[in-house]
């Protein structure tokens, strides 16, 4: 299990300092979201500052960009980082794709599957392995003169990570992607009963080996040594969970977690602009299911126990945000990252002992 951070700086100029801070805290990777600034531009600033940090997009809006544009950006960043770039792509929701980016959204699942196939075809053309000739239902590429190609590079092709929530998308990820970026709105029953079985079905259907898809999982936390601090953070998480839960398409998470009618109720409250009711609809039991509450000393073991054997990269979703508001939190998160690495290393050693020496 690798331990990553999540977030971005407020400007390109500030990204270098943030990256050095994340590296100094001992995180192994940093996932940068698509916000008010183009995510690949922010990743470029991060890549130039990072010495050993893995940089990923968590996640880039795929349909807002041609696969060629995404392939060029991913290729450039993989080359700049020596292969430490992980392009994470997502569909976003229809309103943002159509109204914010003025891009097509129809058939998002099949479109995303074809998007991945187009990226691989473009990567092969970049390496000069074949002439660019891709014709699908949504994308067609047939022109790449040598002077417009970045050409081959030493690192391997960038691995493609996709965001997935519903079973069809998770199965498709199992068929064609290198990794899945799990939504921060999740519970263990949802991961165990929806995400992982769908990925396994997809990999089996495609004839891929078990473990072909790496699981990246952001986790929300309420962590403080005093009860009031934990209570305040849980209230902030309650509002965030209500916002996530009111998004169309995320109902499957509540259903799999034992609350089949909550998502519909959240959307009704959101349409009525009843913000107080929206937040109140998220119970303490739901906060416990969707987030981890602990003291600083308890947190590493709580995270490790909860996600051991389920995820490959654990993303501390709240670490950078909390460090901005509480300067002392940066050092505490560094301790958490170090302890998680120690626990993961011990787990690897234990599994080696169980299997016997190679």
Protein backbone atom coordinates (compact mmCIF):
# COMPACT_ATOMS: atom_id res chain seq x y z
CA UNK A 1 0.00 0.00 0.00
CA UNK A 2 1.42 3.36 -1.07
CA UNK A 3 0.39 6.59 0.66
CA UNK A 4 -0.53 9.67 -1.37
CA UNK A 5 -1.88 13.18 -0.85
CA UNK A 6 -4.66 14.95 -2.71
CA UNK A 7 -4.96 18.60 -3.67
CA UNK A 8 -3.47 21.47 -5.60
CA UNK A 9 -1.92 24.88 -5.15
CA UNK A 10 -3.80 28.08 -5.81
CA UNK A 11 -1.50 29.05 -8.68
CA UNK A 12 1.18 27.64 -10.94
CA UNK A 13 3.81 29.67 -9.08
CA UNK A 14 2.81 28.12 -5.76
CA UNK A 15 2.85 24.53 -6.98
CA UNK A 16 6.58 24.05 -6.50
CA UNK A 17 6.47 24.88 -2.80
CA UNK A 18 3.46 22.62 -2.31
CA UNK A 19 5.13 19.69 -4.04
CA UNK A 20 8.27 20.07 -1.95
CA UNK A 21 6.10 20.16 1.17
CA UNK A 22 4.28 16.97 0.12
CA UNK A 23 7.59 15.23 -0.58
CA UNK A 24 8.98 16.46 2.73
CA UNK A 25 6.01 14.99 4.55
CA UNK A 26 6.86 11.58 3.15
CA UNK A 27 3.95 11.04 0.79
CA UNK A 28 4.74 8.84 -2.21
CA UNK A 29 2.30 10.42 -4.64
CA UNK A 30 0.14 13.48 -5.17
CA UNK A 31 -3.18 13.48 -7.03
CA UNK A 32 -4.15 16.86 -8.48
CA UNK A 33 -7.84 17.55 -9.16
CA UNK A 34 -9.42 19.28 -12.13
CA UNK A 35 -10.51 22.60 -10.65
CA UNK A 36 -10.59 26.18 -11.81
CA UNK A 37 -7.18 25.75 -13.47
CA UNK A 38 -6.39 23.16 -16.16
CA UNK A 39 -5.15 20.07 -14.38
CA UNK A 40 -2.42 19.14 -16.85
CA UNK A 41 -0.93 22.62 -16.52
CA UNK A 42 -0.85 22.26 -12.75
CA UNK A 43 0.71 18.82 -13.13
CA UNK A 44 3.42 20.30 -15.33
CA UNK A 45 4.39 22.73 -12.59
CA UNK A 46 4.35 19.88 -10.08
CA UNK A 47 6.46 17.64 -12.31
CA UNK A 48 9.16 20.27 -12.66
CA UNK A 49 9.44 20.57 -8.87
CA UNK A 50 9.13 16.91 -7.87
CA UNK A 51 12.26 14.89 -7.21
CA UNK A 52 10.70 11.51 -6.55
CA UNK A 53 6.96 12.14 -6.12
CA UNK A 54 4.49 10.33 -8.37
CA UNK A 55 2.10 12.86 -9.93
CA UNK A 56 -1.43 11.96 -11.01
CA UNK A 57 -4.56 13.70 -12.23
CA UNK A 58 -7.37 12.97 -9.83
CA UNK A 59 -9.18 13.25 -12.16
CA UNK A 60 -8.97 15.06 -15.51
CA UNK A 61 -12.24 15.57 -17.39
CA UNK A 62 -11.69 13.32 -20.39
CA UNK A 63 -14.48 14.43 -22.72
CA UNK A 64 -13.44 18.08 -22.47
CA UNK A 65 -10.26 17.09 -24.36
CA UNK A 66 -9.57 15.19 -27.54
CA UNK A 67 -7.71 11.94 -26.81
CA UNK A 68 -4.84 13.43 -28.84
CA UNK A 69 -4.59 16.40 -26.48
CA UNK A 70 -4.68 14.10 -23.46
CA UNK A 71 -2.11 11.77 -25.00
CA UNK A 72 0.28 14.65 -25.71
CA UNK A 73 -0.01 15.97 -22.15
CA UNK A 74 0.39 12.53 -20.57
CA UNK A 75 3.39 11.71 -22.80
CA UNK A 76 5.11 14.98 -21.95
CA UNK A 77 4.56 14.52 -18.22
CA UNK A 78 5.66 10.88 -18.26
CA UNK A 79 8.85 11.92 -20.00
CA UNK A 80 9.45 14.84 -17.59
CA UNK A 81 8.99 12.64 -14.51
CA UNK A 82 10.85 9.58 -15.76
CA UNK A 83 7.62 7.59 -15.81
CA UNK A 84 6.18 8.87 -12.52
CA UNK A 85 3.02 10.30 -14.05
CA UNK A 86 -0.38 8.61 -13.71
CA UNK A 87 -3.12 10.13 -15.89
CA UNK A 88 -6.45 9.68 -14.13
CA UNK A 89 -9.48 10.36 -16.30
CA UNK A 90 -13.17 10.68 -15.55
CA UNK A 91 -16.40 11.38 -17.38
CA UNK A 92 -17.63 14.11 -15.00
CA UNK A 93 -21.41 14.66 -14.99
CA UNK A 94 -23.41 15.65 -18.04
CA UNK A 95 -24.09 19.25 -16.94
CA UNK A 96 -20.41 20.11 -16.63
CA UNK A 97 -19.36 18.36 -19.83
CA UNK A 98 -22.12 19.85 -21.95
CA UNK A 99 -22.62 23.27 -20.34
CA UNK A 100 -19.18 24.12 -18.91
CA UNK A 101 -17.03 22.56 -21.63
CA UNK A 102 -19.54 22.45 -24.53
CA UNK A 103 -18.47 18.89 -25.28
CA UNK A 104 -20.49 15.76 -26.16
CA UNK A 105 -21.50 13.40 -23.35
CA UNK A 106 -23.76 10.79 -24.99
CA UNK A 107 -22.98 7.14 -24.15
CA UNK A 108 -20.32 8.06 -21.56
CA UNK A 109 -19.33 4.47 -20.75
CA UNK A 110 -18.69 3.26 -24.32
CA UNK A 111 -17.17 6.64 -25.15
CA UNK A 112 -14.68 6.31 -22.30
CA UNK A 113 -13.81 2.74 -23.30
CA UNK A 114 -13.07 3.95 -26.82
CA UNK A 115 -11.14 6.91 -25.39
CA UNK A 116 -8.71 4.46 -23.76
CA UNK A 117 -8.31 2.48 -26.98
CA UNK A 118 -7.60 5.72 -28.85
CA UNK A 119 -4.94 6.70 -26.31
CA UNK A 120 -3.16 3.39 -26.75
CA UNK A 121 -3.25 3.76 -30.54
CA UNK A 122 -1.81 7.26 -30.26
CA UNK A 123 0.92 6.07 -27.88
CA UNK A 124 1.93 3.38 -30.37
CA UNK A 125 2.08 6.01 -33.10
CA UNK A 126 4.23 8.27 -30.88
CA UNK A 127 6.72 5.41 -30.52
CA UNK A 128 6.71 4.81 -34.26
CA UNK A 129 5.42 1.28 -33.81
CA UNK A 130 2.58 1.82 -36.28
CA UNK A 131 0.98 4.49 -38.41
CA UNK A 132 -1.81 6.35 -36.64
CA UNK A 133 -5.02 4.79 -37.89
CA UNK A 134 -7.86 4.66 -35.38
CA UNK A 135 -11.53 4.66 -36.35
CA UNK A 136 -14.18 4.25 -33.67
CA UNK A 137 -17.77 5.25 -33.03
CA UNK A 138 -16.78 8.50 -31.31
CA UNK A 139 -13.18 9.29 -32.31
CA UNK A 140 -11.15 9.00 -35.51
CA UNK A 141 -7.42 9.66 -35.86
CA UNK A 142 -5.49 9.18 -39.08
CA UNK A 143 -2.89 11.96 -39.34
CA UNK A 144 0.35 12.30 -37.39
CA UNK A 145 3.25 13.64 -39.48
CA UNK A 146 6.65 13.02 -37.83
CA UNK A 147 7.19 16.72 -37.13
CA UNK A 148 3.95 16.76 -35.08
CA UNK A 149 4.76 13.68 -33.03
CA UNK A 150 6.70 13.92 -29.74
CA UNK A 151 8.54 10.77 -30.78
CA UNK A 152 9.53 7.80 -28.60
CA UNK A 153 10.68 8.18 -25.01
CA UNK A 154 12.54 5.95 -22.58
CA UNK A 155 9.80 5.57 -19.93
CA UNK A 156 6.92 3.19 -20.65
CA UNK A 157 3.58 4.43 -21.91
CA UNK A 158 1.62 6.30 -19.22
CA UNK A 159 -0.74 3.88 -17.44
CA UNK A 160 -4.39 4.91 -17.78
CA UNK A 161 -6.43 5.23 -14.59
CA UNK A 162 -10.19 5.77 -14.81
CA UNK A 163 -12.73 6.98 -12.28
CA UNK A 164 -15.64 4.62 -11.84
CA UNK A 165 -18.71 4.46 -9.60
CA UNK A 166 -21.35 2.19 -11.14
CA UNK A 167 -20.86 -1.52 -11.86
CA UNK A 168 -20.75 -1.16 -15.68
CA UNK A 169 -17.96 1.40 -15.52
CA UNK A 170 -15.99 -0.61 -12.94
CA UNK A 171 -16.27 -3.72 -15.11
CA UNK A 172 -15.10 -1.76 -18.15
CA UNK A 173 -12.15 -0.49 -16.13
CA UNK A 174 -11.30 -4.10 -15.38
CA UNK A 175 -11.29 -4.81 -19.10
CA UNK A 176 -9.17 -1.94 -20.43
CA UNK A 177 -7.63 0.31 -17.74
CA UNK A 178 -4.48 0.09 -15.65
CA UNK A 179 -6.08 1.47 -12.52
CA UNK A 180 -9.29 2.74 -10.95
CA UNK A 181 -9.68 5.99 -9.03
CA UNK A 182 -12.39 5.19 -6.48
CA UNK A 183 -14.68 8.05 -5.55
CA UNK A 184 -14.03 9.49 -2.06
CA UNK A 185 -17.71 8.80 -1.37
CA UNK A 186 -17.43 5.09 -0.61
CA UNK A 187 -17.87 2.51 2.12
CA UNK A 188 -16.30 -0.88 2.63
CA UNK A 189 -19.49 -2.75 1.59
CA UNK A 190 -19.58 -0.69 -1.61
CA UNK A 191 -15.92 -1.47 -2.38
CA UNK A 192 -16.28 -5.16 -1.48
CA UNK A 193 -19.66 -5.82 -3.10
CA UNK A 194 -19.63 -3.48 -6.11
CA UNK A 195 -16.21 -2.14 -7.11
CA UNK A 196 -13.88 -5.09 -6.63
CA UNK A 197 -16.21 -7.79 -8.03
CA UNK A 198 -16.95 -5.67 -11.11
CA UNK A 199 -13.23 -5.10 -11.73
CA UNK A 200 -12.58 -8.82 -11.32
CA UNK A 201 -15.34 -9.67 -13.78
CA UNK A 202 -13.89 -7.23 -16.30
CA UNK A 203 -10.34 -8.54 -16.03
CA UNK A 204 -11.55 -12.13 -16.34
CA UNK A 205 -13.70 -11.28 -19.38
CA UNK A 206 -10.74 -9.60 -21.07
CA UNK A 207 -8.38 -12.46 -20.22
CA UNK A 208 -6.19 -10.23 -18.09
CA UNK A 209 -4.33 -11.44 -15.00
CA UNK A 210 -5.65 -10.96 -11.49
CA UNK A 211 -4.36 -7.67 -10.10
CA UNK A 212 -3.98 -6.05 -13.52
CA UNK A 213 -5.96 -3.04 -12.26
CA UNK A 214 -4.44 -1.04 -9.41
CA UNK A 215 -6.90 0.47 -6.95
CA UNK A 216 -6.42 4.10 -5.90
CA UNK A 217 -8.73 5.12 -3.07
CA UNK A 218 -9.12 8.59 -1.54
CA UNK A 219 -10.32 8.48 2.06
CA UNK A 220 -11.93 11.28 4.05
CA UNK A 221 -10.83 11.66 7.66
CA UNK A 222 -11.76 13.48 10.84
CA UNK A 223 -8.59 13.48 12.90
CA UNK A 224 -7.74 15.41 16.04
CA UNK A 225 -6.62 14.62 19.56
CA UNK A 226 -9.50 16.51 21.15
CA UNK A 227 -13.11 15.41 20.87
CA UNK A 228 -14.33 18.86 19.82
CA UNK A 229 -11.84 18.96 16.95
CA UNK A 230 -13.06 15.60 15.67
CA UNK A 231 -16.67 16.69 16.08
CA UNK A 232 -16.09 19.88 14.08
CA UNK A 233 -14.42 17.96 11.27
CA UNK A 234 -17.23 15.41 11.18
CA UNK A 235 -19.71 18.23 10.66
CA UNK A 236 -17.67 19.47 7.72
CA UNK A 237 -17.61 15.94 6.33
CA UNK A 238 -21.36 15.64 6.83
CA UNK A 239 -21.91 18.63 4.54
CA UNK A 240 -19.46 17.27 1.95
CA UNK A 241 -21.11 13.85 1.98
CA UNK A 242 -24.49 15.47 1.49
CA UNK A 243 -23.16 17.39 -1.52
CA UNK A 244 -21.61 14.26 -3.05
CA UNK A 245 -24.70 12.19 -2.32
CA UNK A 246 -27.02 14.64 -4.08
CA UNK A 247 -25.12 14.11 -7.35
CA UNK A 248 -27.04 11.96 -9.84
CA UNK A 249 -25.38 8.59 -10.34
CA UNK A 250 -23.97 8.18 -6.84
CA UNK A 251 -27.06 6.46 -5.46
CA UNK A 252 -25.40 3.07 -5.92
CA UNK A 253 -22.95 3.95 -3.13
CA UNK A 254 -25.74 4.53 -0.62
CA UNK A 255 -27.66 1.47 -1.83
CA UNK A 256 -24.66 -0.82 -1.43
CA UNK A 257 -23.98 0.68 1.99
CA UNK A 258 -27.46 -0.11 3.32
CA UNK A 259 -29.34 3.15 2.68
CA UNK A 260 -31.28 2.62 -0.57
CA UNK A 261 -33.56 5.67 -0.35
CA UNK A 262 -31.11 8.30 0.86
CA UNK A 263 -29.78 9.46 -2.52
CA UNK A 264 -33.27 10.27 -3.82
CA UNK A 265 -34.00 12.18 -0.64
CA UNK A 266 -30.76 14.14 -0.93
CA UNK A 267 -31.58 15.17 -4.50
CA UNK A 268 -35.04 16.32 -3.42
CA UNK A 269 -33.54 18.45 -0.65
CA UNK A 270 -30.92 19.84 -3.00
CA UNK A 271 -33.57 20.83 -5.57
CA UNK A 272 -35.54 22.51 -2.77
CA UNK A 273 -32.33 24.32 -1.71
CA UNK A 274 -32.85 23.01 1.83
CA UNK A 275 -29.19 23.03 2.82
CA UNK A 276 -29.88 22.40 6.50
CA UNK A 277 -32.08 19.43 5.69
CA UNK A 278 -29.55 18.17 3.19
CA UNK A 279 -26.78 18.04 5.77
CA UNK A 280 -29.06 16.65 8.49
CA UNK A 281 -29.96 13.72 6.23
CA UNK A 282 -26.43 12.38 6.66
CA UNK A 283 -26.50 10.45 9.93
CA UNK A 284 -23.60 9.72 12.27
CA UNK A 285 -23.70 6.11 11.07
CA UNK A 286 -23.20 7.31 7.50
CA UNK A 287 -20.26 9.50 8.49
CA UNK A 288 -18.70 6.45 10.16
CA UNK A 289 -19.23 4.36 7.03
CA UNK A 290 -17.90 6.93 4.54
CA UNK A 291 -15.02 8.41 6.57
CA UNK A 292 -12.50 7.51 9.28
CA UNK A 293 -12.63 9.29 12.65
CA UNK A 294 -9.61 8.90 14.93
CA UNK A 295 -6.98 10.56 17.05
CA UNK A 296 -3.63 11.19 15.39
CA UNK A 297 -2.06 8.14 17.03
CA UNK A 298 -5.00 5.94 16.09
CA UNK A 299 -5.28 7.06 12.47
CA UNK A 300 -2.49 5.06 10.76
CA UNK A 301 -3.65 1.74 12.19
CA UNK A 302 -7.30 2.59 11.51
CA UNK A 303 -6.55 3.37 7.85
CA UNK A 304 -4.30 0.34 7.41
CA UNK A 305 -6.80 -2.05 8.97
CA UNK A 306 -9.68 -0.65 6.94
CA UNK A 307 -8.00 -0.69 3.53
CA UNK A 308 -5.41 -3.47 3.81
CA UNK A 309 -5.82 -5.91 0.93
CA UNK A 310 -8.33 -3.67 -0.80
CA UNK A 311 -6.30 -0.81 -2.26
CA UNK A 312 -2.87 -0.27 -3.78
CA UNK A 313 -2.62 3.48 -3.22
CA UNK A 314 -4.34 5.13 -0.27
CA UNK A 315 -4.97 8.84 -0.85
CA UNK A 316 -5.23 11.02 2.26
CA UNK A 317 -7.99 13.21 0.89
CA UNK A 318 -8.00 15.79 3.68
CA UNK A 319 -4.29 16.08 4.45
CA UNK A 320 -3.38 19.14 2.37
CA UNK A 321 -6.61 20.97 3.14
CA UNK A 322 -6.16 20.39 6.86
CA UNK A 323 -2.50 21.43 6.74
CA UNK A 324 -3.45 24.79 5.22
CA UNK A 325 -5.78 25.64 8.08
CA UNK A 326 -3.65 24.09 10.82
CA UNK A 327 0.14 24.50 10.43
CA UNK A 328 0.80 21.81 13.05
CA UNK A 329 -1.17 19.29 11.00
CA UNK A 330 1.59 19.03 8.37
CA UNK A 331 3.97 17.39 10.84
CA UNK A 332 1.19 15.12 12.13
CA UNK A 333 0.35 13.99 8.59
CA UNK A 334 4.04 13.29 8.01
CA UNK A 335 3.93 10.97 11.04
CA UNK A 336 0.79 9.30 9.66
CA UNK A 337 2.42 8.73 6.27
CA UNK A 338 5.56 7.31 7.87
CA UNK A 339 3.60 4.93 10.10
CA UNK A 340 1.43 3.77 7.19
CA UNK A 341 4.55 3.01 5.17
CA UNK A 342 5.96 1.07 8.12
CA UNK A 343 2.76 -0.94 8.49
CA UNK A 344 2.60 -1.64 4.74
CA UNK A 345 6.25 -2.72 4.68
CA UNK A 346 5.66 -5.07 7.59
CA UNK A 347 2.63 -6.49 5.83
CA UNK A 348 4.69 -7.16 2.70
CA UNK A 349 7.34 -8.88 4.80
CA UNK A 350 4.69 -10.99 6.51
CA UNK A 351 3.21 -12.05 3.18
CA UNK A 352 6.67 -12.99 1.93
CA UNK A 353 7.20 -15.12 5.05
CA UNK A 354 3.82 -16.79 4.50
CA UNK A 355 4.75 -17.65 0.91
CA UNK A 356 8.30 -18.65 1.83
CA UNK A 357 11.52 -17.17 0.58
CA UNK A 358 11.64 -16.71 -3.20
